[in-house]
Amino acid sequence: QVQLVESGGGLVQAGGSLRLSCVASERTFTTYTMGWFRQAPGKEREFVATCSGNGRSTYYADSVKGRFTISRDNAKNTVYLQMNSLKPEDTAVYYCATATIYLAIRPSHYNYWGQGTQVTVSS
């Protein structure tokens, strides 16, 4: 059982930045693809970004490409999501998750999920 704990959410004005963190309990953290998803009220959970076990390969949703950066520090069992140039439409609960499939983008491919952290972007 992998436990994931997100942090770093908050309220920010449009154009601002936030950095989300997700700490994993599993010592085999490096074997997992890590992903970030988000869910806005009344909407389905959507893919945001993913990175490979060694962090060298990444993939982003078109809506965040060029603004968000996913990275990981395997020594700290932590994955990050740096979010710049935030827009009101980025407002959502953000979740991190683990997968055994390389650069998975479907929520169904992810095995363990964190509890989520709220990001609110005001206009």
Protein backbone atom coordinates (compact mmCIF):
# COMPACT_ATOMS: atom_id res chain seq x y z
CA GLN A 1 0.00 0.00 0.00
CA VAL A 2 1.51 3.29 -1.14
CA GLN A 3 0.48 6.40 0.75
CA LEU A 4 0.69 9.74 -1.02
CA VAL A 5 0.39 13.12 0.66
CA GLU A 6 0.03 16.30 -1.39
CA SER A 7 0.72 19.82 -0.21
CA GLY A 8 1.29 23.29 -1.58
CA GLY A 9 -2.16 24.24 -2.76
CA GLY A 10 -3.75 27.57 -2.00
CA LEU A 11 -5.28 30.75 -3.34
CA VAL A 12 -3.35 32.72 -5.94
CA GLN A 13 -4.13 35.49 -8.39
CA ALA A 14 -4.17 34.87 -12.11
CA GLY A 15 -0.64 34.97 -13.48
CA GLY A 16 0.83 33.75 -10.23
CA SER A 17 2.68 30.55 -9.37
CA LEU A 18 2.39 27.62 -7.00
CA ARG A 19 4.46 24.52 -6.42
CA LEU A 20 2.71 21.34 -5.37
CA SER A 21 4.52 18.51 -3.63
CA CYS A 22 3.60 14.88 -3.20
CA VAL A 23 5.47 12.63 -0.78
CA ALA A 24 5.23 8.87 -1.15
CA SER A 25 5.63 6.34 1.64
CA GLU A 26 6.91 3.56 -0.60
CA ARG A 27 10.65 2.89 -0.69
CA THR A 28 10.30 1.53 -4.23
CA PHE A 29 9.13 4.98 -5.34
CA THR A 30 11.62 5.02 -8.21
CA THR A 31 9.82 2.16 -9.98
CA TYR A 32 6.63 4.13 -10.38
CA THR A 33 5.43 6.50 -13.03
CA MET A 34 4.06 9.51 -11.16
CA GLY A 35 1.19 11.61 -12.37
CA TRP A 36 -0.74 14.72 -11.48
CA PHE A 37 -4.46 15.01 -12.16
CA ARG A 38 -7.04 17.62 -11.30
CA GLN A 39 -10.77 17.74 -10.79
CA ALA A 40 -12.92 20.84 -10.87
CA PRO A 41 -16.44 20.89 -9.40
CA GLY A 42 -18.90 19.11 -11.64
CA LYS A 43 -16.18 17.87 -13.97
CA GLU A 44 -14.37 14.60 -14.46
CA ARG A 45 -10.86 14.07 -13.20
CA GLU A 46 -8.42 15.09 -15.92
CA PHE A 47 -4.80 14.34 -16.64
CA VAL A 48 -2.28 17.14 -16.06
CA ALA A 49 1.25 15.72 -16.21
CA THR A 50 3.27 12.56 -15.77
CA CYS A 51 6.92 11.59 -15.42
CA SER A 52 8.87 8.37 -15.60
CA GLY A 53 10.53 6.63 -12.69
CA ASN A 54 13.87 8.36 -13.23
CA GLY A 55 12.23 11.68 -14.06
CA ARG A 56 13.88 11.98 -17.46
CA SER A 57 10.70 11.56 -19.48
CA THR A 58 7.64 13.73 -19.02
CA TYR A 59 4.34 14.34 -20.75
CA TYR A 60 1.79 17.12 -20.32
CA ALA A 61 -1.79 17.89 -21.15
CA ASP A 62 -2.02 20.53 -23.88
CA SER A 63 -3.82 22.87 -21.50
CA VAL A 64 -0.78 23.15 -19.21
CA LYS A 65 2.12 22.63 -21.60
CA GLY A 66 4.65 25.43 -21.30
CA ARG A 67 3.22 26.58 -17.96
CA PHE A 68 3.51 23.56 -15.66
CA THR A 69 6.59 21.44 -14.95
CA ILE A 70 6.61 18.03 -13.30
CA SER A 71 9.76 16.82 -11.58
CA ARG A 72 10.78 14.35 -8.93
CA ASP A 73 13.42 13.88 -6.27
CA ASN A 74 13.72 10.15 -5.74
CA ALA A 75 16.02 10.61 -2.76
CA LYS A 76 13.09 12.31 -1.02
CA ASN A 77 10.33 10.12 -2.50
CA THR A 78 8.75 13.34 -3.74
CA VAL A 79 7.22 14.53 -6.98
CA TYR A 80 6.56 18.19 -7.70
CA LEU A 81 4.32 20.21 -9.95
CA GLN A 82 5.54 23.73 -10.59
CA MET A 83 2.63 25.80 -11.89
CA ASN A 84 3.32 29.16 -13.49
CA SER A 85 1.12 31.67 -15.31
CA LEU A 86 -1.90 30.27 -13.52
CA LYS A 87 -5.35 30.89 -14.96
CA PRO A 88 -8.78 30.80 -13.30
CA GLU A 89 -9.55 27.65 -15.30
CA ASP A 90 -6.72 25.90 -13.44
CA THR A 91 -8.85 26.01 -10.30
CA ALA A 92 -9.39 22.43 -9.10
CA VAL A 93 -8.39 19.84 -6.55
CA TYR A 94 -5.03 18.45 -7.63
CA TYR A 95 -4.13 14.82 -7.02
CA CYS A 96 -0.90 12.88 -7.38
CA ALA A 97 -0.94 9.20 -8.19
CA THR A 98 1.31 6.25 -8.96
CA ALA A 99 1.23 3.90 -11.93
CA THR A 100 3.22 0.93 -13.17
CA ILE A 101 2.53 1.85 -16.79
CA TYR A 102 5.12 4.09 -18.43
CA LEU A 103 3.87 7.69 -18.73
CA ALA A 104 0.27 6.68 -18.19
CA ILE A 105 -2.35 9.37 -18.80
CA ARG A 106 -5.59 7.57 -17.94
CA PRO A 107 -6.82 7.71 -14.34
CA SER A 108 -7.70 4.01 -14.58
CA HIS A 109 -4.00 3.20 -15.06
CA TYR A 110 -3.10 4.67 -11.68
CA ASN A 111 -3.12 2.49 -8.60
CA TYR A 112 -2.70 4.79 -5.62
CA TRP A 113 -3.94 8.32 -5.09
CA GLY A 114 -3.35 11.08 -2.62
CA GLN A 115 -6.14 12.96 -0.86
CA GLY A 116 -5.78 16.03 -3.06
CA THR A 117 -4.89 19.67 -2.51
CA GLN A 118 -7.07 22.61 -3.50
CA VAL A 119 -5.76 25.19 -5.96
CA THR A 120 -7.85 28.29 -6.48
CA VAL A 121 -6.91 30.95 -9.02
CA SER A 122 -8.73 34.25 -8.78
CA SER A 123 -9.21 36.55 -11.75
